[in-house]
């Protein structure tokens, strides 16, 4: 399964994108600010920086914060514990990808509903032992 995150708005305080699954747009996203990171992660502001563009494998793993199994991005340079989860603004992100509908400037709405539609799709692929990855541009 291939997820694709196209970051189409990079603002001073947040980043908005479209998340597609196997070529079909699924939802909107909101993240922290995209920053240029140096070779050793210079330029990263903890809890205020979006992950670098690239392709990452996704697994499902237990999150102590959410107390449930969540989609976890693996091997993200200079970041740990990057999840796809619910929220409304970049303040809920801490580097993670928030899913929802970008119908209000600077936020996503219906995040829980969107996540509850996304998770079973990812779970089915995971249970079928499909490789799940996300490409972020």
Protein backbone atom coordinates (compact mmCIF):
# COMPACT_ATOMS: atom_id res chain seq x y z
CA UNK A 1 0.00 0.00 0.00
CA UNK A 2 1.38 3.38 -0.99
CA UNK A 3 0.40 6.57 0.83
CA UNK A 4 1.39 9.89 -0.68
CA UNK A 5 1.42 13.19 1.22
CA UNK A 6 1.55 16.26 -1.00
CA UNK A 7 2.30 19.30 1.13
CA UNK A 8 0.66 22.07 -0.85
CA UNK A 9 0.70 24.93 1.69
CA UNK A 10 3.78 25.73 3.75
CA UNK A 11 2.92 28.59 6.05
CA UNK A 12 4.83 30.38 8.77
CA UNK A 13 3.08 28.39 11.51
CA UNK A 14 1.78 25.19 9.89
CA UNK A 15 1.80 22.97 6.80
CA UNK A 16 -1.29 21.62 5.00
CA UNK A 17 -1.34 18.66 2.63
CA UNK A 18 -3.42 16.07 0.83
CA UNK A 19 -3.03 12.41 1.80
CA UNK A 20 -3.65 9.87 -0.97
CA UNK A 21 -3.89 6.10 -0.73
CA UNK A 22 -2.87 4.14 -3.82
CA UNK A 23 -3.38 7.25 -5.96
CA UNK A 24 -6.77 8.34 -4.58
CA UNK A 25 -7.01 11.47 -2.40
CA UNK A 26 -8.25 10.37 1.01
CA UNK A 27 -8.07 13.42 3.30
CA UNK A 28 -6.27 16.59 4.29
CA UNK A 29 -3.43 16.84 6.77
CA UNK A 30 -1.88 19.45 9.02
CA UNK A 31 1.66 19.37 10.34
CA UNK A 32 4.25 21.58 11.93
CA UNK A 33 6.37 23.97 9.86
CA UNK A 34 8.67 22.47 7.23
CA UNK A 35 12.21 23.55 8.06
CA UNK A 36 15.47 22.94 6.23
CA UNK A 37 17.51 20.57 8.39
CA UNK A 38 21.28 20.26 8.31
CA UNK A 39 23.17 16.99 8.00
CA UNK A 40 23.04 16.53 11.78
CA UNK A 41 19.50 17.83 12.22
CA UNK A 42 20.49 21.45 12.71
CA UNK A 43 17.49 23.74 12.30
CA UNK A 44 15.04 21.37 13.97
CA UNK A 45 12.91 22.97 16.64
CA UNK A 46 11.57 20.15 18.87
CA UNK A 47 7.78 19.73 18.68
CA UNK A 48 7.59 22.53 16.07
CA UNK A 49 9.13 20.93 12.96
CA UNK A 50 7.56 18.75 10.26
CA UNK A 51 9.44 15.60 9.32
CA UNK A 52 11.70 15.73 6.26
CA UNK A 53 10.27 14.89 2.85
CA UNK A 54 11.03 11.32 1.85
CA UNK A 55 9.66 7.79 1.79
CA UNK A 56 9.07 5.96 5.07
CA UNK A 57 7.78 2.53 5.95
CA UNK A 58 4.71 2.48 8.21
CA UNK A 59 3.96 -0.16 10.81
CA UNK A 60 1.24 -0.42 13.42
CA UNK A 61 2.54 -0.16 16.97
CA UNK A 62 1.28 0.55 20.47
CA UNK A 63 1.41 4.24 21.44
CA UNK A 64 1.72 4.91 25.18
CA UNK A 65 0.37 8.44 24.58
CA UNK A 66 -2.80 7.26 22.81
CA UNK A 67 -2.97 3.92 24.67
CA UNK A 68 -3.76 2.03 21.46
CA UNK A 69 -2.21 0.72 18.27
CA UNK A 70 -1.36 3.57 15.87
CA UNK A 71 0.31 4.02 12.47
CA UNK A 72 4.02 4.65 13.15
CA UNK A 73 6.52 5.95 10.59
CA UNK A 74 9.88 4.18 10.77
CA UNK A 75 13.41 5.53 10.37
CA UNK A 76 12.55 9.22 10.13
CA UNK A 77 15.87 11.12 10.35
CA UNK A 78 16.23 13.16 13.56
CA UNK A 79 12.72 12.14 14.77
CA UNK A 80 11.27 9.33 16.89
CA UNK A 81 7.70 8.25 17.54
CA UNK A 82 6.19 9.89 14.44
CA UNK A 83 2.55 8.84 14.16
CA UNK A 84 -0.45 9.50 11.96
CA UNK A 85 -3.12 10.59 14.44
CA UNK A 86 -5.96 12.93 15.37
CA UNK A 87 -5.85 16.59 16.29
CA UNK A 88 -6.89 19.96 14.96
CA UNK A 89 -3.86 22.23 14.62
CA UNK A 90 -0.09 22.06 14.36
CA UNK A 91 -0.01 22.43 18.15
CA UNK A 92 -1.36 18.86 18.32
CA UNK A 93 1.34 17.57 15.97
CA UNK A 94 4.79 17.50 17.63
CA UNK A 95 6.16 16.44 14.24
CA UNK A 96 3.39 13.92 13.57
CA UNK A 97 0.84 13.93 10.73
CA UNK A 98 -2.68 14.99 11.72
CA UNK A 99 -5.52 13.82 9.44
CA UNK A 100 -8.88 15.51 8.87
CA UNK A 101 -10.59 18.03 6.61
CA UNK A 102 -8.95 21.42 6.01
CA UNK A 103 -12.15 23.48 5.88
CA UNK A 104 -10.99 26.08 8.40
CA UNK A 105 -7.84 28.15 7.90
CA UNK A 106 -4.98 26.81 10.00
CA UNK A 107 -6.68 23.62 11.16
CA UNK A 108 -8.36 20.37 10.24
CA UNK A 109 -11.80 19.33 11.43
CA UNK A 110 -13.47 15.91 11.69
CA UNK A 111 -10.11 14.42 12.58
CA UNK A 112 -11.46 11.54 14.67
CA UNK A 113 -13.94 10.58 11.96
CA UNK A 114 -11.19 10.70 9.33
CA UNK A 115 -8.79 8.64 11.44
CA UNK A 116 -11.52 6.09 12.15
CA UNK A 117 -11.90 5.63 8.37
CA UNK A 118 -8.15 5.50 7.72
CA UNK A 119 -7.11 3.08 10.44
CA UNK A 120 -9.11 0.03 9.20
CA UNK A 121 -7.61 0.49 5.72
CA UNK A 122 -4.10 0.45 7.16
CA UNK A 123 -4.94 -2.42 9.53
CA UNK A 124 -6.24 -4.59 6.69
CA UNK A 125 -3.05 -4.02 4.68
CA UNK A 126 -0.92 -4.69 7.78
CA UNK A 127 -2.82 -7.89 8.59
CA UNK A 128 -2.36 -9.01 4.97
CA UNK A 129 1.39 -8.42 5.41
CA UNK A 130 1.45 -5.76 2.72
CA UNK A 131 4.27 -3.25 2.81
CA UNK A 132 2.83 0.11 3.80
CA UNK A 133 4.84 3.20 3.01
CA UNK A 134 4.34 6.92 2.75
CA UNK A 135 6.07 9.30 0.39
CA UNK A 136 6.07 12.94 1.47
CA UNK A 137 6.87 15.79 -0.91
